[in-house]
Amino acid sequence: MCEEKAYKMLTLPGASLTISQRDQGHIHGANDDLSVIEICGNRRGMASLGNILLWLYSNNEGREFLALTALPFLRTDGIMALSIRVNQEDGKGLLGRIRLLDKQCQFEWEVSEDDLPRLAVRFYRLASSKTPLHDHNPEADINALRPPGTVNGPFPLDSDAEIFAGCTGEW
């Protein structure tokens, strides 16, 4: 099956996500030394991204890259590119490493094959979260990619960015 057909099949009707770059002060708990990438959208968008990440895990032979910003249900707020690169390193229980490639707007999210399902489950968790992201409390679910009960994020210290995600609560 070609990738575009698979993406279409795995995308729920009405799925919508927006990826944007934010100032560190916009999100409580962001590391001041890192760029901040925010993924926000409806529950169908979060579940669809989880579906596509599991598809990538199941069909990764010959597929090393996924251009997130090229997915049909995903749009960017401003000029930005974000792709996922799957590597064959042993999983470390982290959610990958974010690399700034060039021009302060092109990022690569490097995730080990072992950690890819864990990342997909985080997006499913967002899709099914009881606490949606609210306009009056933007931090309600914005740190959901961080492991529960931790202060430090799931990204190694040599990352160039952190990724925060939040769900609007809309289906």
Protein backbone atom coordinates (compact mmCIF):
# COMPACT_ATOMS: atom_id res chain seq x y z
CA MET A 1 0.00 0.00 0.00
CA CYS A 2 1.39 3.42 -0.89
CA GLU A 3 2.00 5.82 1.97
CA GLU A 4 -0.62 8.38 0.91
CA LYS A 5 -3.36 5.72 0.81
CA ALA A 6 -2.28 4.41 4.21
CA TYR A 7 -2.33 7.91 5.71
CA LYS A 8 -5.80 8.54 4.29
CA MET A 9 -7.09 5.21 5.63
CA LEU A 10 -5.62 5.85 9.10
CA THR A 11 -6.87 9.44 9.38
CA LEU A 12 -10.19 9.87 11.17
CA PRO A 13 -12.76 12.16 9.50
CA GLY A 14 -12.45 15.71 10.82
CA ALA A 15 -8.91 15.18 12.19
CA SER A 16 -7.05 18.45 12.65
CA LEU A 17 -3.67 19.32 14.18
CA THR A 18 -1.55 22.47 14.13
CA ILE A 19 2.20 22.54 14.68
CA SER A 20 3.79 25.81 15.69
CA GLN A 21 6.97 27.18 17.16
CA ARG A 22 6.49 29.06 20.43
CA ASP A 23 8.53 31.20 22.76
CA GLN A 24 9.69 29.36 25.88
CA GLY A 25 7.66 31.73 28.07
CA HIS A 26 4.45 30.61 26.36
CA ILE A 27 4.53 27.18 28.01
CA HIS A 28 5.08 26.57 31.72
CA GLY A 29 8.00 24.22 32.32
CA ALA A 30 9.73 24.69 28.98
CA ASN A 31 13.51 24.70 29.05
CA ASP A 32 14.68 28.27 28.33
CA ASP A 33 17.65 26.99 26.31
CA LEU A 34 15.54 25.03 23.82
CA SER A 35 13.14 25.86 21.03
CA VAL A 36 9.56 24.86 21.76
CA ILE A 37 7.38 23.06 19.24
CA GLU A 38 3.70 22.83 20.08
CA ILE A 39 1.27 20.30 18.60
CA CYS A 40 -2.37 21.17 19.28
CA GLY A 41 -5.60 19.95 17.81
CA ASN A 42 -8.69 17.87 18.24
CA ARG A 43 -8.91 14.33 19.58
CA ARG A 44 -9.34 12.85 16.11
CA GLY A 45 -6.10 14.52 15.05
CA MET A 46 -4.20 13.11 18.04
CA ALA A 47 -5.62 9.62 17.43
CA SER A 48 -4.84 9.86 13.71
CA LEU A 49 -1.23 10.80 14.44
CA GLY A 50 -1.01 7.82 16.82
CA ASN A 51 -2.40 5.57 14.04
CA ILE A 52 0.18 6.79 11.53
CA LEU A 53 3.06 6.39 14.00
CA LEU A 54 2.02 2.77 14.65
CA TRP A 55 1.71 2.21 10.90
CA LEU A 56 5.25 3.57 10.50
CA TYR A 57 6.45 1.19 13.23
CA SER A 58 4.75 -1.78 11.55
CA ASN A 59 5.94 -0.85 8.05
CA ASN A 60 9.29 0.79 8.68
CA GLU A 61 11.33 -1.44 6.41
CA GLY A 62 12.56 0.93 3.73
CA ARG A 63 10.81 3.85 5.44
CA GLU A 64 13.05 5.95 7.60
CA PHE A 65 11.30 9.34 7.36
CA LEU A 66 7.82 10.72 7.91
CA ALA A 67 7.20 14.37 7.04
CA LEU A 68 4.66 15.30 9.71
CA THR A 69 3.98 18.69 8.20
CA ALA A 70 3.01 16.98 4.92
CA LEU A 71 0.20 14.95 6.49
CA PRO A 72 -3.19 16.08 5.10
CA PHE A 73 -4.77 16.79 8.53
CA LEU A 74 -1.81 18.72 9.86
CA ARG A 75 -1.11 22.37 9.24
CA THR A 76 1.60 24.70 10.42
CA ASP A 77 1.25 28.04 12.11
CA GLY A 78 3.96 29.98 10.31
CA ILE A 79 6.90 28.70 8.31
CA MET A 80 8.06 25.44 9.80
CA ALA A 81 8.87 21.85 8.88
CA LEU A 82 8.89 18.86 11.21
CA SER A 83 9.77 15.32 10.19
CA ILE A 84 10.27 12.08 12.10
CA ARG A 85 13.31 9.94 11.39
CA VAL A 86 13.29 6.39 12.72
CA ASN A 87 16.67 5.02 13.74
CA GLN A 88 17.71 1.50 14.63
CA GLU A 89 19.31 2.36 17.97
CA ASP A 90 18.16 0.60 21.12
CA GLY A 91 15.23 2.30 22.78
CA LYS A 92 16.09 4.42 25.80
CA GLY A 93 12.55 4.96 27.06
CA LEU A 94 12.68 8.54 25.78
CA LEU A 95 10.57 10.09 23.08
CA GLY A 96 13.44 10.85 20.77
CA ARG A 97 15.76 13.74 20.08
CA ILE A 98 14.80 16.94 18.27
CA ARG A 99 17.37 18.40 15.89
CA LEU A 100 17.29 21.83 14.31
CA LEU A 101 18.41 21.27 10.73
CA ASP A 102 18.55 24.79 9.34
CA LYS A 103 16.97 28.24 9.16
CA GLN A 104 15.52 28.01 12.69
CA CYS A 105 12.37 26.42 11.26
CA GLN A 106 13.26 22.94 10.00
CA PHE A 107 13.27 20.28 12.70
CA GLU A 108 13.88 16.53 12.69
CA TRP A 109 12.42 14.36 15.45
CA GLU A 110 14.70 11.33 15.70
CA VAL A 111 13.01 8.37 17.42
CA SER A 112 14.34 4.85 17.89
CA GLU A 113 12.27 2.06 16.38
CA ASP A 114 11.80 0.63 19.89
CA ASP A 115 10.41 3.93 21.23
CA LEU A 116 8.05 4.65 18.33
CA PRO A 117 5.08 2.68 19.81
CA ARG A 118 5.57 4.51 23.12
CA LEU A 119 5.32 7.82 21.27
CA ALA A 120 2.15 6.67 19.47
CA VAL A 121 0.58 5.71 22.81
CA ARG A 122 1.28 9.23 24.13
CA PHE A 123 -0.81 10.67 21.30
CA TYR A 124 -3.58 8.14 22.01
CA ARG A 125 -3.42 9.23 25.65
CA LEU A 126 -3.96 12.82 24.56
CA ALA A 127 -6.89 11.78 22.37
CA SER A 128 -8.59 10.06 25.28
CA SER A 129 -7.57 12.50 28.03
CA LYS A 130 -10.25 13.58 30.48
CA THR A 131 -8.67 17.03 30.76
CA PRO A 132 -8.73 18.85 27.43
CA LEU A 133 -6.69 21.93 26.66
CA HIS A 134 -8.80 24.96 27.58
CA ASP A 135 -8.35 28.53 26.42
CA HIS A 136 -8.54 29.72 30.03
CA ASN A 137 -5.95 27.16 31.17
CA PRO A 138 -3.56 26.41 28.28
CA GLU A 139 -1.32 24.26 30.48
CA ALA A 140 -4.09 21.79 31.40
CA ASP A 141 -2.80 19.07 29.10
CA ILE A 142 0.04 20.76 27.24
CA ASN A 143 2.77 18.75 29.01
CA ALA A 144 1.21 15.40 28.13
CA LEU A 145 4.24 14.14 26.22
CA ARG A 146 6.28 14.30 29.42
CA PRO A 147 6.30 11.13 31.51
CA PRO A 148 3.73 11.38 34.35
CA GLY A 149 5.19 12.65 37.61
CA THR A 150 8.40 14.02 36.10
CA VAL A 151 9.75 17.53 35.95
CA ASN A 152 12.26 16.89 33.17
CA GLY A 153 10.95 16.20 29.71
CA PRO A 154 11.30 12.98 27.77
CA PHE A 155 13.95 14.48 25.49
CA PRO A 156 17.70 14.09 26.10
CA LEU A 157 19.80 17.06 27.16
CA ASP A 158 21.41 17.37 23.72
CA SER A 159 18.08 18.02 21.97
CA ASP A 160 17.64 21.33 20.17
CA ALA A 161 13.93 21.56 21.07
CA GLU A 162 11.15 20.19 23.23
CA ILE A 163 7.75 19.18 21.92
CA PHE A 164 4.60 19.94 23.87
CA ALA A 165 1.17 18.72 22.84
CA GLY A 166 -2.34 19.50 23.84
CA CYS A 167 -5.83 18.42 22.85
CA THR A 168 -8.74 20.82 22.52
CA GLY A 169 -11.24 18.27 23.74
CA GLU A 170 -13.24 18.45 20.52
CA TRP A 171 -13.83 15.26 18.65
